[in-house]
N, C-alpha and C. Protein backbone atom coordinates (compact mmCIF):
# COMPACT_ATOMS: atom_id res chain seq x y z
N MET A 1 10.80 -16.30 -11.01
CA MET A 1 9.94 -15.57 -10.18
C MET A 1 10.01 -14.04 -10.48
N SER A 2 8.87 -13.46 -10.34
CA SER A 2 8.76 -11.96 -10.66
C SER A 2 8.41 -11.30 -9.40
N GLN A 3 8.63 -9.97 -9.36
CA GLN A 3 8.27 -9.11 -8.28
C GLN A 3 7.13 -8.21 -8.60
N TYR A 4 6.23 -8.03 -7.67
CA TYR A 4 5.05 -7.22 -7.81
C TYR A 4 4.97 -6.27 -6.61
N LEU A 5 4.39 -5.07 -6.85
CA LEU A 5 4.10 -4.18 -5.77
C LEU A 5 2.60 -4.13 -5.49
N ILE A 6 2.20 -4.35 -4.28
CA ILE A 6 0.76 -4.35 -3.90
C ILE A 6 0.66 -2.88 -3.26
N LEU A 7 -0.02 -2.00 -3.94
CA LEU A 7 -0.21 -0.67 -3.40
C LEU A 7 -1.57 -0.61 -2.71
N ILE A 8 -1.65 -0.15 -1.49
CA ILE A 8 -2.84 -0.14 -0.67
C ILE A 8 -3.36 1.31 -0.62
N TYR A 9 -4.57 1.47 -1.30
CA TYR A 9 -5.28 2.76 -1.36
C TYR A 9 -6.48 2.68 -0.43
N GLU A 10 -6.61 3.64 0.47
CA GLU A 10 -7.78 3.59 1.43
C GLU A 10 -8.18 5.09 1.70
N ASP A 11 -9.41 5.18 2.23
CA ASP A 11 -9.88 6.46 2.60
C ASP A 11 -9.31 6.83 4.07
N GLU A 12 -8.43 7.88 3.97
CA GLU A 12 -7.77 8.36 5.23
C GLU A 12 -8.70 8.77 6.37
N ALA A 13 -9.85 9.41 5.92
CA ALA A 13 -10.77 9.89 6.90
C ALA A 13 -11.33 8.75 7.70
N SER A 14 -11.45 7.58 7.13
CA SER A 14 -11.96 6.44 7.90
C SER A 14 -11.01 6.01 9.07
N TYR A 15 -9.68 6.15 8.78
CA TYR A 15 -8.69 5.93 9.79
C TYR A 15 -8.67 7.02 10.84
N ALA A 16 -8.90 8.27 10.48
CA ALA A 16 -8.90 9.37 11.40
C ALA A 16 -10.01 9.24 12.50
N ASP A 17 -11.09 8.65 12.05
CA ASP A 17 -12.23 8.41 12.95
C ASP A 17 -12.27 7.02 13.53
N ALA A 18 -11.33 6.16 13.22
CA ALA A 18 -11.31 4.76 13.68
C ALA A 18 -11.13 4.66 15.25
N THR A 19 -11.86 3.76 15.82
CA THR A 19 -11.66 3.47 17.26
C THR A 19 -10.51 2.63 17.47
N PRO A 20 -10.04 2.57 18.69
CA PRO A 20 -8.87 1.63 19.01
C PRO A 20 -9.17 0.15 18.60
N GLU A 21 -10.41 -0.20 18.70
CA GLU A 21 -10.83 -1.59 18.36
C GLU A 21 -10.59 -1.80 16.84
N VAL A 22 -10.97 -0.81 16.01
CA VAL A 22 -10.73 -0.89 14.54
C VAL A 22 -9.28 -0.95 14.25
N TRP A 23 -8.45 -0.10 14.85
CA TRP A 23 -7.08 -0.13 14.72
C TRP A 23 -6.45 -1.48 15.01
N GLY A 24 -6.95 -2.01 16.10
CA GLY A 24 -6.46 -3.46 16.49
C GLY A 24 -6.82 -4.46 15.46
N GLN A 25 -8.04 -4.32 14.88
CA GLN A 25 -8.49 -5.29 13.87
C GLN A 25 -7.57 -5.19 12.64
N VAL A 26 -7.34 -3.89 12.21
CA VAL A 26 -6.47 -3.63 11.01
C VAL A 26 -5.08 -4.19 11.27
N SER A 27 -4.53 -3.94 12.44
CA SER A 27 -3.16 -4.44 12.75
C SER A 27 -3.13 -5.94 12.69
N ALA A 28 -4.11 -6.56 13.31
CA ALA A 28 -4.19 -8.00 13.30
C ALA A 28 -4.31 -8.60 11.89
N ALA A 29 -5.11 -7.93 11.08
CA ALA A 29 -5.28 -8.35 9.67
C ALA A 29 -3.97 -8.34 8.92
N HIS A 30 -3.24 -7.23 9.14
CA HIS A 30 -1.87 -7.16 8.42
C HIS A 30 -0.93 -8.13 9.05
N ALA A 31 -0.95 -8.43 10.32
CA ALA A 31 -0.04 -9.42 10.87
C ALA A 31 -0.38 -10.77 10.40
N GLU A 32 -1.69 -11.10 10.21
CA GLU A 32 -2.09 -12.38 9.67
C GLU A 32 -1.67 -12.52 8.26
N PHE A 33 -1.88 -11.42 7.44
CA PHE A 33 -1.45 -11.44 6.09
C PHE A 33 0.12 -11.69 5.90
N GLY A 34 0.81 -10.94 6.79
CA GLY A 34 2.31 -11.10 6.77
C GLY A 34 2.79 -12.53 7.08
N GLU A 35 2.12 -13.12 8.03
CA GLU A 35 2.43 -14.47 8.45
C GLU A 35 2.05 -15.40 7.40
N LYS A 36 0.83 -15.31 6.72
CA LYS A 36 0.47 -16.25 5.68
C LYS A 36 1.35 -16.19 4.49
N TYR A 37 1.86 -14.94 4.13
CA TYR A 37 2.67 -14.82 2.89
C TYR A 37 4.14 -14.47 3.15
N LYS A 38 4.65 -14.86 4.32
CA LYS A 38 5.92 -14.47 4.70
C LYS A 38 7.04 -14.99 3.74
N ALA A 39 6.74 -16.01 3.05
CA ALA A 39 7.69 -16.59 2.07
C ALA A 39 7.68 -15.72 0.78
N SER A 40 6.61 -15.05 0.55
CA SER A 40 6.42 -14.25 -0.68
C SER A 40 6.73 -12.75 -0.47
N ILE A 41 6.55 -12.21 0.76
CA ILE A 41 6.78 -10.82 1.00
C ILE A 41 8.27 -10.50 1.13
N LEU A 42 8.68 -9.57 0.31
CA LEU A 42 10.06 -9.15 0.37
C LEU A 42 10.23 -7.86 1.18
N GLY A 43 9.12 -7.15 1.38
CA GLY A 43 9.22 -5.88 2.14
C GLY A 43 7.88 -5.23 2.13
N GLY A 44 7.80 -4.17 2.89
CA GLY A 44 6.47 -3.33 2.85
C GLY A 44 6.57 -2.39 4.08
N ASN A 45 5.70 -1.38 3.94
CA ASN A 45 5.63 -0.41 4.95
C ASN A 45 4.26 0.28 4.88
N ALA A 46 3.89 0.84 6.13
CA ALA A 46 2.77 1.80 6.06
C ALA A 46 3.27 3.19 5.88
N LEU A 47 2.54 4.02 5.32
CA LEU A 47 2.96 5.44 5.08
C LEU A 47 2.22 6.40 5.97
N GLN A 48 2.88 7.46 6.29
CA GLN A 48 2.27 8.54 7.11
C GLN A 48 1.15 9.10 6.22
N PRO A 49 0.15 9.79 6.82
CA PRO A 49 -0.96 10.39 6.05
C PRO A 49 -0.43 11.44 4.99
N THR A 50 -1.37 11.68 4.09
CA THR A 50 -1.01 12.66 2.98
C THR A 50 -0.68 14.02 3.53
N SER A 51 -1.26 14.35 4.70
CA SER A 51 -1.03 15.69 5.27
C SER A 51 0.49 15.83 5.59
N THR A 52 1.21 14.79 5.62
CA THR A 52 2.75 14.90 5.77
C THR A 52 3.53 14.92 4.50
N ALA A 53 2.85 14.76 3.37
CA ALA A 53 3.44 14.68 2.05
C ALA A 53 4.12 15.99 1.61
N THR A 54 5.18 15.92 0.89
CA THR A 54 5.77 17.03 0.27
C THR A 54 5.94 16.66 -1.23
N SER A 55 5.33 17.44 -2.15
CA SER A 55 5.47 17.21 -3.59
C SER A 55 6.55 18.03 -4.20
N VAL A 56 7.37 17.43 -5.05
CA VAL A 56 8.43 17.99 -5.80
C VAL A 56 8.14 17.76 -7.25
N ARG A 57 7.97 18.84 -8.03
CA ARG A 57 7.78 18.71 -9.46
C ARG A 57 9.07 18.38 -10.13
N ARG A 58 8.95 17.93 -11.36
CA ARG A 58 10.06 17.45 -12.10
C ARG A 58 11.25 18.41 -12.19
N ASP A 59 10.99 19.62 -12.41
CA ASP A 59 12.12 20.65 -12.49
C ASP A 59 12.80 20.95 -11.12
N GLY A 60 12.11 20.48 -10.08
CA GLY A 60 12.57 20.76 -8.72
C GLY A 60 12.40 22.08 -8.18
N ALA A 61 11.80 23.04 -8.98
CA ALA A 61 11.62 24.40 -8.50
C ALA A 61 10.27 24.54 -7.81
N ASP A 62 9.29 23.62 -8.01
CA ASP A 62 8.05 23.77 -7.44
C ASP A 62 7.89 22.77 -6.37
N VAL A 63 7.96 23.15 -5.10
CA VAL A 63 7.87 22.25 -3.93
C VAL A 63 6.63 22.72 -3.13
N THR A 64 5.76 21.80 -2.82
CA THR A 64 4.62 22.12 -1.97
C THR A 64 4.50 21.07 -0.83
N ASP A 65 3.85 21.55 0.21
CA ASP A 65 3.54 20.68 1.36
C ASP A 65 2.22 20.01 1.15
N ALA A 66 2.08 19.17 0.27
CA ALA A 66 0.82 18.47 -0.02
C ALA A 66 1.07 17.32 -1.05
N PRO A 67 0.19 16.41 -1.16
CA PRO A 67 0.34 15.35 -2.16
C PRO A 67 0.05 15.90 -3.54
N PHE A 68 0.38 15.20 -4.58
CA PHE A 68 0.15 15.68 -5.95
C PHE A 68 -1.29 15.91 -6.30
N ALA A 69 -2.21 15.08 -5.77
CA ALA A 69 -3.65 15.26 -6.02
C ALA A 69 -4.50 15.00 -4.86
N GLU A 70 -5.65 15.71 -4.90
CA GLU A 70 -6.63 15.49 -3.82
C GLU A 70 -7.50 14.26 -4.27
N THR A 71 -7.55 13.26 -3.47
CA THR A 71 -8.37 12.06 -3.87
C THR A 71 -9.06 11.60 -2.55
N LYS A 72 -10.16 10.79 -2.74
CA LYS A 72 -10.80 10.19 -1.70
C LYS A 72 -10.00 9.05 -1.04
N GLU A 73 -9.30 8.30 -1.88
CA GLU A 73 -8.47 7.25 -1.38
C GLU A 73 -7.01 7.61 -1.64
N ALA A 74 -6.15 7.39 -0.71
CA ALA A 74 -4.73 7.77 -0.86
C ALA A 74 -3.87 6.51 -0.64
N LEU A 75 -2.67 6.53 -1.21
CA LEU A 75 -1.71 5.48 -0.95
C LEU A 75 -1.26 5.44 0.55
N GLY A 76 -1.55 4.39 1.22
CA GLY A 76 -1.34 4.34 2.56
C GLY A 76 -0.24 3.27 2.99
N GLY A 77 0.19 2.50 2.00
CA GLY A 77 1.20 1.47 2.29
C GLY A 77 1.38 0.52 1.10
N TYR A 78 2.27 -0.32 1.24
CA TYR A 78 2.64 -1.33 0.19
C TYR A 78 3.24 -2.53 0.67
N TYR A 79 3.20 -3.54 -0.15
CA TYR A 79 3.99 -4.81 0.08
C TYR A 79 4.70 -5.11 -1.26
N LEU A 80 5.94 -5.44 -1.17
CA LEU A 80 6.71 -5.91 -2.27
C LEU A 80 6.64 -7.46 -2.19
N VAL A 81 6.12 -8.19 -3.20
CA VAL A 81 6.02 -9.59 -3.13
C VAL A 81 6.70 -10.30 -4.36
N GLU A 82 7.08 -11.47 -4.13
CA GLU A 82 7.58 -12.25 -5.23
C GLU A 82 6.56 -13.43 -5.54
N ALA A 83 6.33 -13.59 -6.80
CA ALA A 83 5.36 -14.60 -7.21
C ALA A 83 5.77 -15.26 -8.53
N ALA A 84 5.34 -16.46 -8.71
CA ALA A 84 5.68 -17.15 -9.98
C ALA A 84 5.12 -16.50 -11.19
N ASP A 85 3.99 -15.92 -11.07
CA ASP A 85 3.28 -15.28 -12.18
C ASP A 85 2.25 -14.31 -11.74
N LEU A 86 1.55 -13.61 -12.64
CA LEU A 86 0.54 -12.72 -12.29
C LEU A 86 -0.58 -13.34 -11.53
N ASP A 87 -1.00 -14.53 -11.91
CA ASP A 87 -2.09 -15.17 -11.23
C ASP A 87 -1.77 -15.41 -9.73
N GLU A 88 -0.60 -15.83 -9.44
CA GLU A 88 -0.21 -16.00 -8.05
C GLU A 88 -0.12 -14.68 -7.31
N ALA A 89 0.38 -13.67 -7.97
CA ALA A 89 0.40 -12.33 -7.34
C ALA A 89 -0.92 -11.76 -7.13
N MET A 90 -1.92 -12.05 -8.00
CA MET A 90 -3.27 -11.56 -7.82
C MET A 90 -3.91 -12.32 -6.65
N SER A 91 -3.61 -13.56 -6.55
CA SER A 91 -4.14 -14.33 -5.40
C SER A 91 -3.67 -13.75 -4.04
N ILE A 92 -2.40 -13.31 -3.97
CA ILE A 92 -1.85 -12.70 -2.80
C ILE A 92 -2.56 -11.36 -2.61
N ALA A 93 -2.63 -10.55 -3.66
CA ALA A 93 -3.24 -9.24 -3.52
C ALA A 93 -4.68 -9.31 -3.01
N LYS A 94 -5.42 -10.28 -3.47
CA LYS A 94 -6.80 -10.40 -3.02
C LYS A 94 -6.89 -10.60 -1.58
N ASP A 95 -5.92 -11.10 -0.91
CA ASP A 95 -5.91 -11.32 0.51
C ASP A 95 -5.40 -10.15 1.30
N CYS A 96 -4.76 -9.15 0.62
CA CYS A 96 -4.20 -7.98 1.33
C CYS A 96 -5.27 -7.14 2.00
N PRO A 97 -5.11 -6.85 3.28
CA PRO A 97 -6.07 -6.05 4.02
C PRO A 97 -6.16 -4.64 3.45
N ALA A 98 -7.36 -4.18 3.19
CA ALA A 98 -7.67 -2.80 2.79
C ALA A 98 -9.06 -2.49 3.19
N ARG A 99 -9.28 -2.40 4.44
CA ARG A 99 -10.59 -2.25 5.11
C ARG A 99 -11.38 -1.08 4.57
N PHE A 100 -10.70 0.01 4.23
CA PHE A 100 -11.38 1.24 3.75
C PHE A 100 -11.08 1.61 2.35
N GLY A 101 -10.73 0.63 1.52
CA GLY A 101 -10.46 0.88 0.11
C GLY A 101 -10.12 -0.39 -0.61
N GLY A 102 -9.07 -0.40 -1.40
CA GLY A 102 -8.62 -1.50 -2.20
C GLY A 102 -7.17 -1.44 -2.44
N VAL A 103 -6.73 -2.41 -3.30
CA VAL A 103 -5.30 -2.49 -3.65
C VAL A 103 -5.13 -2.41 -5.15
N GLU A 104 -3.91 -2.01 -5.54
CA GLU A 104 -3.52 -2.06 -6.93
C GLU A 104 -2.29 -2.91 -7.03
N LEU A 105 -2.20 -3.77 -7.98
CA LEU A 105 -1.14 -4.74 -8.16
C LEU A 105 -0.33 -4.29 -9.43
N ARG A 106 0.92 -4.12 -9.29
CA ARG A 106 1.78 -3.68 -10.44
C ARG A 106 3.05 -4.47 -10.38
N PRO A 107 3.41 -4.97 -11.67
CA PRO A 107 4.66 -5.65 -11.75
C PRO A 107 5.86 -4.73 -11.68
N ILE A 108 6.91 -5.18 -11.08
CA ILE A 108 8.18 -4.42 -11.11
C ILE A 108 8.84 -4.49 -12.47
N MET A 109 9.27 -3.33 -12.96
CA MET A 109 9.89 -3.28 -14.31
C MET A 109 11.28 -3.83 -14.13
N VAL A 110 11.72 -4.75 -15.10
CA VAL A 110 13.07 -5.26 -15.10
C VAL A 110 13.78 -4.68 -16.30
N PHE A 111 14.94 -4.14 -16.01
CA PHE A 111 15.81 -3.57 -17.11
C PHE A 111 16.94 -4.58 -17.31
N SER A 112 17.19 -4.79 -18.60
CA SER A 112 18.31 -5.79 -18.83
C SER A 112 19.62 -5.05 -19.11
């Protein structure tokens, strides 16, 4: 079995303007996804908006209260999943809720 990270990228503005009904639908979709794939999901979290981000450059001297880049879609959460192969991981990722964007699937690097 291999591990994959499903990165959820969405338009934050859509959530800022979302009604309580939309929030309920999004929450329900993630609960349903979590239940459907509970045997495969090893972990996951939603992230605070990019307005709360702090960026630290490699040398550590440059710290800013902002994300690295301005983009329409931002990383809003992730799931760590275990799958037999890339095809199974893609099948899981295709079901991942991302109402205002999409997901990126990346394998976890294994060091020997």
